[in-house]
Amino acid sequence: GMHGGAVIPLTLAFGCNVPAIMSVRLLHSRRERIIASFLVTM
């Protein structure tokens, strides 16, 4: 349910979830940001 830009926060989450969550703003729609937020925290 996301686009290519989501690969950055998901990868960065392996280092630290904080910058990964901050990078979800790179995604274009709120729907994508919500999905990414759930996945990044896991």
ModelCIF file with pLDDT and N, C-alpha, C, O atoms, coordinates in Angstrom:
data_MODEL
#
_entry.id   MODEL 
#
_entity.id                         1 
_entity.type                       polymer 
_entity.pdbx_number_of_molecules   1 
#
_entity_poly.entity_id                      1 
_entity_poly.type                           'polypeptide(L)' 
_entity_poly.nstd_linkage                   no 
_entity_poly.nstd_monomer                   no 
_entity_poly.pdbx_seq_one_letter_code       GMHGGAVIPLTLAFGCNVPAIMSVRLLHSRRERIIASFLVTM 
_entity_poly.pdbx_seq_one_letter_code_can   GMHGGAVIPLTLAFGCNVPAIMSVRLLHSRRERIIASFLVTM 
_entity_poly.pdbx_strand_id                 A 
#
loop_
_entity_poly_seq.entity_id 
_entity_poly_seq.num 
_entity_poly_seq.mon_id 
_entity_poly_seq.hetero 
1 1  GLY n 
1 2  MET n 
1 3  HIS n 
1 4  GLY n 
1 5  GLY n 
1 6  ALA n 
1 7  VAL n 
1 8  ILE n 
1 9  PRO n 
1 10 LEU n 
1 11 THR n 
1 12 LEU n 
1 13 ALA n 
1 14 PHE n 
1 15 GLY n 
1 16 CYS n 
1 17 ASN n 
1 18 VAL n 
1 19 PRO n 
1 20 ALA n 
1 21 ILE n 
1 22 MET n 
1 23 SER n 
1 24 VAL n 
1 25 ARG n 
1 26 LEU n 
1 27 LEU n 
1 28 HIS n 
1 29 SER n 
1 30 ARG n 
1 31 ARG n 
1 32 GLU n 
1 33 ARG n 
1 34 ILE n 
1 35 ILE n 
1 36 ALA n 
1 37 SER n 
1 38 PHE n 
1 39 LEU n 
1 40 VAL n 
1 41 THR n 
1 42 MET n 
#
_struct_asym.id          A 
_struct_asym.entity_id   1 
#
loop_
_ma_qa_metric.id 
_ma_qa_metric.mode 
_ma_qa_metric.name 
_ma_qa_metric.software_group_id 
_ma_qa_metric.type 
1 global pLDDT . pLDDT 
2 local  pLDDT . pLDDT 
#
_ma_qa_metric_global.metric_id      1 
_ma_qa_metric_global.metric_value   75.64 
_ma_qa_metric_global.model_id       1 
_ma_qa_metric_global.ordinal_id     1 
#
loop_
_ma_qa_metric_local.label_asym_id 
_ma_qa_metric_local.label_comp_id 
_ma_qa_metric_local.label_seq_id 
_ma_qa_metric_local.metric_id 
_ma_qa_metric_local.metric_value 
_ma_qa_metric_local.model_id 
_ma_qa_metric_local.ordinal_id 
A GLY 1  2 60.00 1 1  
A MET 2  2 63.00 1 2  
A HIS 3  2 60.00 1 3  
A GLY 4  2 65.00 1 4  
A GLY 5  2 62.00 1 5  
A ALA 6  2 71.00 1 6  
A VAL 7  2 69.00 1 7  
A ILE 8  2 69.00 1 8  
A PRO 9  2 76.00 1 9  
A LEU 10 2 76.00 1 10 
A THR 11 2 70.00 1 11 
A LEU 12 2 68.00 1 12 
A ALA 13 2 76.00 1 13 
A PHE 14 2 73.00 1 14 
A GLY 15 2 64.00 1 15 
A CYS 16 2 72.00 1 16 
A ASN 17 2 79.00 1 17 
A VAL 18 2 77.00 1 18 
A PRO 19 2 72.00 1 19 
A ALA 20 2 78.00 1 20 
A ILE 21 2 83.00 1 21 
A MET 22 2 75.00 1 22 
A SER 23 2 74.00 1 23 
A VAL 24 2 80.00 1 24 
A ARG 25 2 72.00 1 25 
A LEU 26 2 67.00 1 26 
A LEU 27 2 74.00 1 27 
A HIS 28 2 67.00 1 28 
A SER 29 2 73.00 1 29 
A ARG 30 2 78.00 1 30 
A ARG 31 2 81.00 1 31 
A GLU 32 2 81.00 1 32 
A ARG 33 2 84.00 1 33 
A ILE 34 2 87.00 1 34 
A ILE 35 2 87.00 1 35 
A ALA 36 2 85.00 1 36 
A SER 37 2 88.00 1 37 
A PHE 38 2 90.00 1 38 
A LEU 39 2 88.00 1 39 
A VAL 40 2 87.00 1 40 
A THR 41 2 88.00 1 41 
A MET 42 2 88.00 1 42 
#
loop_
_atom_site.group_PDB 
_atom_site.id 
_atom_site.type_symbol 
_atom_site.label_atom_id 
_atom_site.label_alt_id 
_atom_site.label_comp_id 
_atom_site.label_asym_id 
_atom_site.label_entity_id 
_atom_site.label_seq_id 
_atom_site.pdbx_PDB_ins_code 
_atom_site.Cartn_x 
_atom_site.Cartn_y 
_atom_site.Cartn_z 
_atom_site.occupancy 
_atom_site.B_iso_or_equiv 
_atom_site.pdbx_formal_charge 
_atom_site.auth_seq_id 
_atom_site.auth_comp_id 
_atom_site.auth_asym_id 
_atom_site.auth_atom_id 
_atom_site.pdbx_PDB_model_num 
ATOM 1   N N  . GLY A 1 1  ? 0.774  -1.230 0.000  1.00 60.00 ? 1  GLY A N  1 
ATOM 2   C CA . GLY A 1 1  ? 0.000  0.000  0.000  1.00 60.00 ? 1  GLY A CA 1 
ATOM 3   C C  . GLY A 1 1  ? 0.806  1.281  0.000  1.00 60.00 ? 1  GLY A C  1 
ATOM 4   O O  . GLY A 1 1  ? 0.273  2.341  0.327  1.00 60.00 ? 1  GLY A O  1 
ATOM 5   N N  . MET A 1 2  ? 2.103  1.209  -0.366 1.00 63.00 ? 2  MET A N  1 
ATOM 6   C CA . MET A 1 2  ? 2.928  2.415  -0.386 1.00 63.00 ? 2  MET A CA 1 
ATOM 7   C C  . MET A 1 2  ? 3.640  2.524  -1.725 1.00 63.00 ? 2  MET A C  1 
ATOM 8   O O  . MET A 1 2  ? 3.488  1.677  -2.606 1.00 63.00 ? 2  MET A O  1 
ATOM 9   N N  . HIS A 1 3  ? 4.422  3.592  -1.853 1.00 60.00 ? 3  HIS A N  1 
ATOM 10  C CA . HIS A 1 3  ? 5.183  3.806  -3.071 1.00 60.00 ? 3  HIS A CA 1 
ATOM 11  C C  . HIS A 1 3  ? 6.669  3.674  -2.794 1.00 60.00 ? 3  HIS A C  1 
ATOM 12  O O  . HIS A 1 3  ? 7.090  3.439  -1.661 1.00 60.00 ? 3  HIS A O  1 
ATOM 13  N N  . GLY A 1 4  ? 7.458  3.829  -3.854 1.00 65.00 ? 4  GLY A N  1 
ATOM 14  C CA . GLY A 1 4  ? 8.892  3.563  -3.771 1.00 65.00 ? 4  GLY A CA 1 
ATOM 15  C C  . GLY A 1 4  ? 9.622  4.325  -2.698 1.00 65.00 ? 4  GLY A C  1 
ATOM 16  O O  . GLY A 1 4  ? 10.589 3.816  -2.131 1.00 65.00 ? 4  GLY A O  1 
ATOM 17  N N  . GLY A 1 5  ? 9.175  5.558  -2.395 1.00 62.00 ? 5  GLY A N  1 
ATOM 18  C CA . GLY A 1 5  ? 9.856  6.362  -1.388 1.00 62.00 ? 5  GLY A CA 1 
ATOM 19  C C  . GLY A 1 5  ? 9.872  5.730  -0.010 1.00 62.00 ? 5  GLY A C  1 
ATOM 20  O O  . GLY A 1 5  ? 10.689 6.110  0.828  1.00 62.00 ? 5  GLY A O  1 
ATOM 21  N N  . ALA A 1 6  ? 8.973  4.759  0.250  1.00 71.00 ? 6  ALA A N  1 
ATOM 22  C CA . ALA A 1 6  ? 8.893  4.133  1.575  1.00 71.00 ? 6  ALA A CA 1 
ATOM 23  C C  . ALA A 1 6  ? 10.082 3.236  1.864  1.00 71.00 ? 6  ALA A C  1 
ATOM 24  O O  . ALA A 1 6  ? 10.278 2.839  3.013  1.00 71.00 ? 6  ALA A O  1 
ATOM 25  N N  . VAL A 1 7  ? 10.875 2.907  0.871  1.00 69.00 ? 7  VAL A N  1 
ATOM 26  C CA . VAL A 1 7  ? 12.016 2.030  1.103  1.00 69.00 ? 7  VAL A CA 1 
ATOM 27  C C  . VAL A 1 7  ? 13.044 2.708  2.012  1.00 69.00 ? 7  VAL A C  1 
ATOM 28  O O  . VAL A 1 7  ? 13.779 2.028  2.727  1.00 69.00 ? 7  VAL A O  1 
ATOM 29  N N  . ILE A 1 8  ? 13.100 4.034  1.990  1.00 69.00 ? 8  ILE A N  1 
ATOM 30  C CA . ILE A 1 8  ? 14.076 4.755  2.817  1.00 69.00 ? 8  ILE A CA 1 
ATOM 31  C C  . ILE A 1 8  ? 13.749 4.632  4.314  1.00 69.00 ? 8  ILE A C  1 
ATOM 32  O O  . ILE A 1 8  ? 14.602 4.180  5.078  1.00 69.00 ? 8  ILE A O  1 
ATOM 33  N N  . PRO A 1 9  ? 12.531 5.022  4.762  1.00 76.00 ? 9  PRO A N  1 
ATOM 34  C CA . PRO A 1 9  ? 12.251 4.878  6.199  1.00 76.00 ? 9  PRO A CA 1 
ATOM 35  C C  . PRO A 1 9  ? 12.309 3.440  6.684  1.00 76.00 ? 9  PRO A C  1 
ATOM 36  O O  . PRO A 1 9  ? 12.774 3.193  7.797  1.00 76.00 ? 9  PRO A O  1 
ATOM 37  N N  . LEU A 1 10 ? 11.848 2.478  5.879  1.00 76.00 ? 10 LEU A N  1 
ATOM 38  C CA . LEU A 1 10 ? 11.859 1.083  6.321  1.00 76.00 ? 10 LEU A CA 1 
ATOM 39  C C  . LEU A 1 10 ? 13.283 0.566  6.504  1.00 76.00 ? 10 LEU A C  1 
ATOM 40  O O  . LEU A 1 10 ? 13.549 -0.213 7.420  1.00 76.00 ? 10 LEU A O  1 
ATOM 41  N N  . THR A 1 11 ? 14.191 0.992  5.644  1.00 70.00 ? 11 THR A N  1 
ATOM 42  C CA . THR A 1 11 ? 15.585 0.560  5.772  1.00 70.00 ? 11 THR A CA 1 
ATOM 43  C C  . THR A 1 11 ? 16.257 1.240  6.957  1.00 70.00 ? 11 THR A C  1 
ATOM 44  O O  . THR A 1 11 ? 16.976 0.607  7.731  1.00 70.00 ? 11 THR A O  1 
ATOM 45  N N  . LEU A 1 12 ? 16.009 2.555  7.086  1.00 68.00 ? 12 LEU A N  1 
ATOM 46  C CA . LEU A 1 12 ? 16.632 3.318  8.170  1.00 68.00 ? 12 LEU A CA 1 
ATOM 47  C C  . LEU A 1 12 ? 16.180 2.859  9.539  1.00 68.00 ? 12 LEU A C  1 
ATOM 48  O O  . LEU A 1 12 ? 16.891 3.049  10.525 1.00 68.00 ? 12 LEU A O  1 
ATOM 49  N N  . ALA A 1 13 ? 14.987 2.246  9.611  1.00 76.00 ? 13 ALA A N  1 
ATOM 50  C CA . ALA A 1 13 ? 14.453 1.785  10.898 1.00 76.00 ? 13 ALA A CA 1 
ATOM 51  C C  . ALA A 1 13 ? 15.348 0.733  11.534 1.00 76.00 ? 13 ALA A C  1 
ATOM 52  O O  . ALA A 1 13 ? 15.311 0.552  12.751 1.00 76.00 ? 13 ALA A O  1 
ATOM 53  N N  . PHE A 1 14 ? 16.163 0.026  10.727 1.00 73.00 ? 14 PHE A N  1 
ATOM 54  C CA . PHE A 1 14 ? 17.084 -0.957 11.300 1.00 73.00 ? 14 PHE A CA 1 
ATOM 55  C C  . PHE A 1 14 ? 18.131 -0.266 12.175 1.00 73.00 ? 14 PHE A C  1 
ATOM 56  O O  . PHE A 1 14 ? 18.605 -0.854 13.148 1.00 73.00 ? 14 PHE A O  1 
ATOM 57  N N  . GLY A 1 15 ? 18.493 0.968  11.843 1.00 64.00 ? 15 GLY A N  1 
ATOM 58  C CA . GLY A 1 15 ? 19.422 1.710  12.682 1.00 64.00 ? 15 GLY A CA 1 
ATOM 59  C C  . GLY A 1 15 ? 18.721 2.313  13.878 1.00 64.00 ? 15 GLY A C  1 
ATOM 60  O O  . GLY A 1 15 ? 19.116 2.087  15.022 1.00 64.00 ? 15 GLY A O  1 
ATOM 61  N N  . CYS A 1 16 ? 17.663 3.092  13.606 1.00 72.00 ? 16 CYS A N  1 
ATOM 62  C CA . CYS A 1 16 ? 16.905 3.736  14.683 1.00 72.00 ? 16 CYS A CA 1 
ATOM 63  C C  . CYS A 1 16 ? 15.538 4.107  14.140 1.00 72.00 ? 16 CYS A C  1 
ATOM 64  O O  . CYS A 1 16 ? 15.428 4.651  13.041 1.00 72.00 ? 16 CYS A O  1 
ATOM 65  N N  . ASN A 1 17 ? 14.492 3.816  14.909 1.00 79.00 ? 17 ASN A N  1 
ATOM 66  C CA . ASN A 1 17 ? 13.131 4.122  14.474 1.00 79.00 ? 17 ASN A CA 1 
ATOM 67  C C  . ASN A 1 17 ? 12.843 5.618  14.431 1.00 79.00 ? 17 ASN A C  1 
ATOM 68  O O  . ASN A 1 17 ? 11.965 6.056  13.688 1.00 79.00 ? 17 ASN A O  1 
ATOM 69  N N  . VAL A 1 18 ? 13.573 6.411  15.222 1.00 77.00 ? 18 VAL A N  1 
ATOM 70  C CA . VAL A 1 18 ? 13.279 7.850  15.312 1.00 77.00 ? 18 VAL A CA 1 
ATOM 71  C C  . VAL A 1 18 ? 13.496 8.557  13.964 1.00 77.00 ? 18 VAL A C  1 
ATOM 72  O O  . VAL A 1 18 ? 12.555 9.165  13.453 1.00 77.00 ? 18 VAL A O  1 
ATOM 73  N N  . PRO A 1 19 ? 14.702 8.503  13.366 1.00 72.00 ? 19 PRO A N  1 
ATOM 74  C CA . PRO A 1 19 ? 14.852 9.151  12.059 1.00 72.00 ? 19 PRO A CA 1 
ATOM 75  C C  . PRO A 1 19 ? 13.982 8.508  10.988 1.00 72.00 ? 19 PRO A C  1 
ATOM 76  O O  . PRO A 1 19 ? 13.566 9.168  10.036 1.00 72.00 ? 19 PRO A O  1 
ATOM 77  N N  . ALA A 1 20 ? 13.708 7.201  11.151 1.00 78.00 ? 20 ALA A N  1 
ATOM 78  C CA . ALA A 1 20 ? 12.849 6.527  10.175 1.00 78.00 ? 20 ALA A CA 1 
ATOM 79  C C  . ALA A 1 20 ? 11.439 7.092  10.196 1.00 78.00 ? 20 ALA A C  1 
ATOM 80  O O  . ALA A 1 20 ? 10.846 7.329  9.144  1.00 78.00 ? 20 ALA A O  1 
ATOM 81  N N  . ILE A 1 21 ? 10.889 7.314  11.414 1.00 83.00 ? 21 ILE A N  1 
ATOM 82  C CA . ILE A 1 21 ? 9.557  7.908  11.521 1.00 83.00 ? 21 ILE A CA 1 
ATOM 83  C C  . ILE A 1 21 ? 9.574  9.338  10.993 1.00 83.00 ? 21 ILE A C  1 
ATOM 84  O O  . ILE A 1 21 ? 8.626  9.762  10.331 1.00 83.00 ? 21 ILE A O  1 
ATOM 85  N N  . MET A 1 22 ? 10.635 10.084 11.276 1.00 75.00 ? 22 MET A N  1 
ATOM 86  C CA . MET A 1 22 ? 10.720 11.456 10.790 1.00 75.00 ? 22 MET A CA 1 
ATOM 87  C C  . MET A 1 22 ? 10.776 11.510 9.265  1.00 75.00 ? 22 MET A C  1 
ATOM 88  O O  . MET A 1 22 ? 10.376 12.508 8.665  1.00 75.00 ? 22 MET A O  1 
ATOM 89  N N  . SER A 1 23 ? 11.265 10.450 8.641  1.00 74.00 ? 23 SER A N  1 
ATOM 90  C CA . SER A 1 23 ? 11.375 10.446 7.182  1.00 74.00 ? 23 SER A CA 1 
ATOM 91  C C  . SER A 1 23 ? 10.091 10.011 6.482  1.00 74.00 ? 23 SER A C  1 
ATOM 92  O O  . SER A 1 23 ? 10.032 10.042 5.252  1.00 74.00 ? 23 SER A O  1 
ATOM 93  N N  . VAL A 1 24 ? 9.046  9.600  7.236  1.00 80.00 ? 24 VAL A N  1 
ATOM 94  C CA . VAL A 1 24 ? 7.794  9.229  6.564  1.00 80.00 ? 24 VAL A CA 1 
ATOM 95  C C  . VAL A 1 24 ? 7.145  10.440 5.914  1.00 80.00 ? 24 VAL A C  1 
ATOM 96  O O  . VAL A 1 24 ? 6.255  10.293 5.077  1.00 80.00 ? 24 VAL A O  1 
ATOM 97  N N  . ARG A 1 25 ? 7.588  11.649 6.296  1.00 72.00 ? 25 ARG A N  1 
ATOM 98  C CA . ARG A 1 25 ? 7.046  12.845 5.649  1.00 72.00 ? 25 ARG A CA 1 
ATOM 99  C C  . ARG A 1 25 ? 7.447  12.903 4.169  1.00 72.00 ? 25 ARG A C  1 
ATOM 100 O O  . ARG A 1 25 ? 6.873  13.675 3.401  1.00 72.00 ? 25 ARG A O  1 
ATOM 101 N N  . LEU A 1 26 ? 8.441  12.078 3.768  1.00 67.00 ? 26 LEU A N  1 
ATOM 102 C CA . LEU A 1 26 ? 8.810  12.014 2.360  1.00 67.00 ? 26 LEU A CA 1 
ATOM 103 C C  . LEU A 1 26 ? 7.702  11.383 1.523  1.00 67.00 ? 26 LEU A C  1 
ATOM 104 O O  . LEU A 1 26 ? 7.663  11.576 0.308  1.00 67.00 ? 26 LEU A O  1 
ATOM 105 N N  . LEU A 1 27 ? 6.802  10.632 2.156  1.00 74.00 ? 27 LEU A N  1 
ATOM 106 C CA . LEU A 1 27 ? 5.713  9.978  1.443  1.00 74.00 ? 27 LEU A CA 1 
ATOM 107 C C  . LEU A 1 27 ? 4.610  10.990 1.163  1.00 74.00 ? 27 LEU A C  1 
ATOM 108 O O  . LEU A 1 27 ? 4.416  11.936 1.926  1.00 74.00 ? 27 LEU A O  1 
ATOM 109 N N  . HIS A 1 28 ? 3.886  10.784 0.059  1.00 67.00 ? 28 HIS A N  1 
ATOM 110 C CA . HIS A 1 28 ? 3.033  11.846 -0.472 1.00 67.00 ? 28 HIS A CA 1 
ATOM 111 C C  . HIS A 1 28 ? 1.638  11.910 0.146  1.00 67.00 ? 28 HIS A C  1 
ATOM 112 O O  . HIS A 1 28 ? 1.057  12.993 0.217  1.00 67.00 ? 28 HIS A O  1 
ATOM 113 N N  . SER A 1 29 ? 1.096  10.809 0.584  1.00 73.00 ? 29 SER A N  1 
ATOM 114 C CA . SER A 1 29 ? -0.281 10.836 1.093  1.00 73.00 ? 29 SER A CA 1 
ATOM 115 C C  . SER A 1 29 ? -0.313 10.424 2.559  1.00 73.00 ? 29 SER A C  1 
ATOM 116 O O  . SER A 1 29 ? 0.576  9.718  3.037  1.00 73.00 ? 29 SER A O  1 
ATOM 117 N N  . ARG A 1 30 ? -1.344 10.871 3.264  1.00 78.00 ? 30 ARG A N  1 
ATOM 118 C CA . ARG A 1 30 ? -1.496 10.502 4.674  1.00 78.00 ? 30 ARG A CA 1 
ATOM 119 C C  . ARG A 1 30 ? -1.685 8.998  4.803  1.00 78.00 ? 30 ARG A C  1 
ATOM 120 O O  . ARG A 1 30 ? -1.212 8.404  5.773  1.00 78.00 ? 30 ARG A O  1 
ATOM 121 N N  . ARG A 1 31 ? -2.361 8.371  3.853  1.00 81.00 ? 31 ARG A N  1 
ATOM 122 C CA . ARG A 1 31 ? -2.566 6.924  3.879  1.00 81.00 ? 31 ARG A CA 1 
ATOM 123 C C  . ARG A 1 31 ? -1.222 6.189  3.926  1.00 81.00 ? 31 ARG A C  1 
ATOM 124 O O  . ARG A 1 31 ? -1.037 5.271  4.725  1.00 81.00 ? 31 ARG A O  1 
ATOM 125 N N  . GLU A 1 32 ? -0.295 6.595  3.072  1.00 81.00 ? 32 GLU A N  1 
ATOM 126 C CA . GLU A 1 32 ? 1.021  5.971  3.050  1.00 81.00 ? 32 GLU A CA 1 
ATOM 127 C C  . GLU A 1 32 ? 1.779  6.232  4.351  1.00 81.00 ? 32 GLU A C  1 
ATOM 128 O O  . GLU A 1 32 ? 2.469  5.349  4.862  1.00 81.00 ? 32 GLU A O  1 
ATOM 129 N N  . ARG A 1 33 ? 1.648  7.449  4.882  1.00 84.00 ? 33 ARG A N  1 
ATOM 130 C CA . ARG A 1 33 ? 2.362  7.781  6.116  1.00 84.00 ? 33 ARG A CA 1 
ATOM 131 C C  . ARG A 1 33 ? 1.844  6.951  7.292  1.00 84.00 ? 33 ARG A C  1 
ATOM 132 O O  . ARG A 1 33 ? 2.616  6.559  8.166  1.00 84.00 ? 33 ARG A O  1 
ATOM 133 N N  . ILE A 1 34 ? 0.536  6.683  7.311  1.00 87.00 ? 34 ILE A N  1 
ATOM 134 C CA . ILE A 1 34 ? -0.038 5.853  8.377  1.00 87.00 ? 34 ILE A CA 1 
ATOM 135 C C  . ILE A 1 34 ? 0.490  4.425  8.289  1.00 87.00 ? 34 ILE A C  1 
ATOM 136 O O  . ILE A 1 34 ? 0.927  3.856  9.289  1.00 87.00 ? 34 ILE A O  1 
ATOM 137 N N  . ILE A 1 35 ? 0.448  3.846  7.085  1.00 87.00 ? 35 ILE A N  1 
ATOM 138 C CA . ILE A 1 35 ? 0.941  2.469  6.906  1.00 87.00 ? 35 ILE A CA 1 
ATOM 139 C C  . ILE A 1 35 ? 2.415  2.381  7.268  1.00 87.00 ? 35 ILE A C  1 
ATOM 140 O O  . ILE A 1 35 ? 2.834  1.461  7.970  1.00 87.00 ? 35 ILE A O  1 
ATOM 141 N N  . ALA A 1 36 ? 3.206  3.346  6.785  1.00 85.00 ? 36 ALA A N  1 
ATOM 142 C CA . ALA A 1 36 ? 4.644  3.336  7.066  1.00 85.00 ? 36 ALA A CA 1 
ATOM 143 C C  . ALA A 1 36 ? 4.915  3.464  8.558  1.00 85.00 ? 36 ALA A C  1 
ATOM 144 O O  . ALA A 1 36 ? 5.846  2.841  9.068  1.00 85.00 ? 36 ALA A O  1 
ATOM 145 N N  . SER A 1 37 ? 4.123  4.258  9.263  1.00 88.00 ? 37 SER A N  1 
ATOM 146 C CA . SER A 1 37 ? 4.327  4.444  10.702 1.00 88.00 ? 37 SER A CA 1 
ATOM 147 C C  . SER A 1 37 ? 4.135  3.136  11.459 1.00 88.00 ? 37 SER A C  1 
ATOM 148 O O  . SER A 1 37 ? 4.902  2.826  12.371 1.00 88.00 ? 37 SER A O  1 
ATOM 149 N N  . PHE A 1 38 ? 3.112  2.365  11.084 1.00 90.00 ? 38 PHE A N  1 
ATOM 150 C CA . PHE A 1 38 ? 2.902  1.060  11.714 1.00 90.00 ? 38 PHE A CA 1 
ATOM 151 C C  . PHE A 1 38 ? 4.088  0.141  11.447 1.00 90.00 ? 38 PHE A C  1 
ATOM 152 O O  . PHE A 1 38 ? 4.610  -0.486 12.368 1.00 90.00 ? 38 PHE A O  1 
ATOM 153 N N  . LEU A 1 39 ? 4.512  0.061  10.194 1.00 88.00 ? 39 LEU A N  1 
ATOM 154 C CA . LEU A 1 39 ? 5.550  -0.897 9.816  1.00 88.00 ? 39 LEU A CA 1 
ATOM 155 C C  . LEU A 1 39 ? 6.912  -0.510 10.379 1.00 88.00 ? 39 LEU A C  1 
ATOM 156 O O  . LEU A 1 39 ? 7.669  -1.366 10.837 1.00 88.00 ? 39 LEU A O  1 
ATOM 157 N N  . VAL A 1 40 ? 7.222  0.793  10.342 1.00 87.00 ? 40 VAL A N  1 
ATOM 158 C CA . VAL A 1 40 ? 8.529  1.242  10.837 1.00 87.00 ? 40 VAL A CA 1 
ATOM 159 C C  . VAL A 1 40 ? 8.709  0.902  12.313 1.00 87.00 ? 40 VAL A C  1 
ATOM 160 O O  . VAL A 1 40 ? 9.790  0.482  12.724 1.00 87.00 ? 40 VAL A O  1 
ATOM 161 N N  . THR A 1 41 ? 7.651  1.083  13.116 1.00 88.00 ? 41 THR A N  1 
ATOM 162 C CA . THR A 1 41 ? 7.770  0.811  14.557 1.00 88.00 ? 41 THR A CA 1 
ATOM 163 C C  . THR A 1 41 ? 7.964  -0.669 14.852 1.00 88.00 ? 41 THR A C  1 
ATOM 164 O O  . THR A 1 41 ? 8.363  -1.036 15.957 1.00 88.00 ? 41 THR A O  1 
ATOM 165 N N  . MET A 1 42 ? 7.687  -1.514 13.876 1.00 88.00 ? 42 MET A N  1 
ATOM 166 C CA . MET A 1 42 ? 7.872  -2.953 14.076 1.00 88.00 ? 42 MET A CA 1 
ATOM 167 C C  . MET A 1 42 ? 9.251  -3.435 13.648 1.00 88.00 ? 42 MET A C  1 
ATOM 168 O O  . MET A 1 42 ? 9.550  -4.624 13.758 1.00 88.00 ? 42 MET A O  1 
#
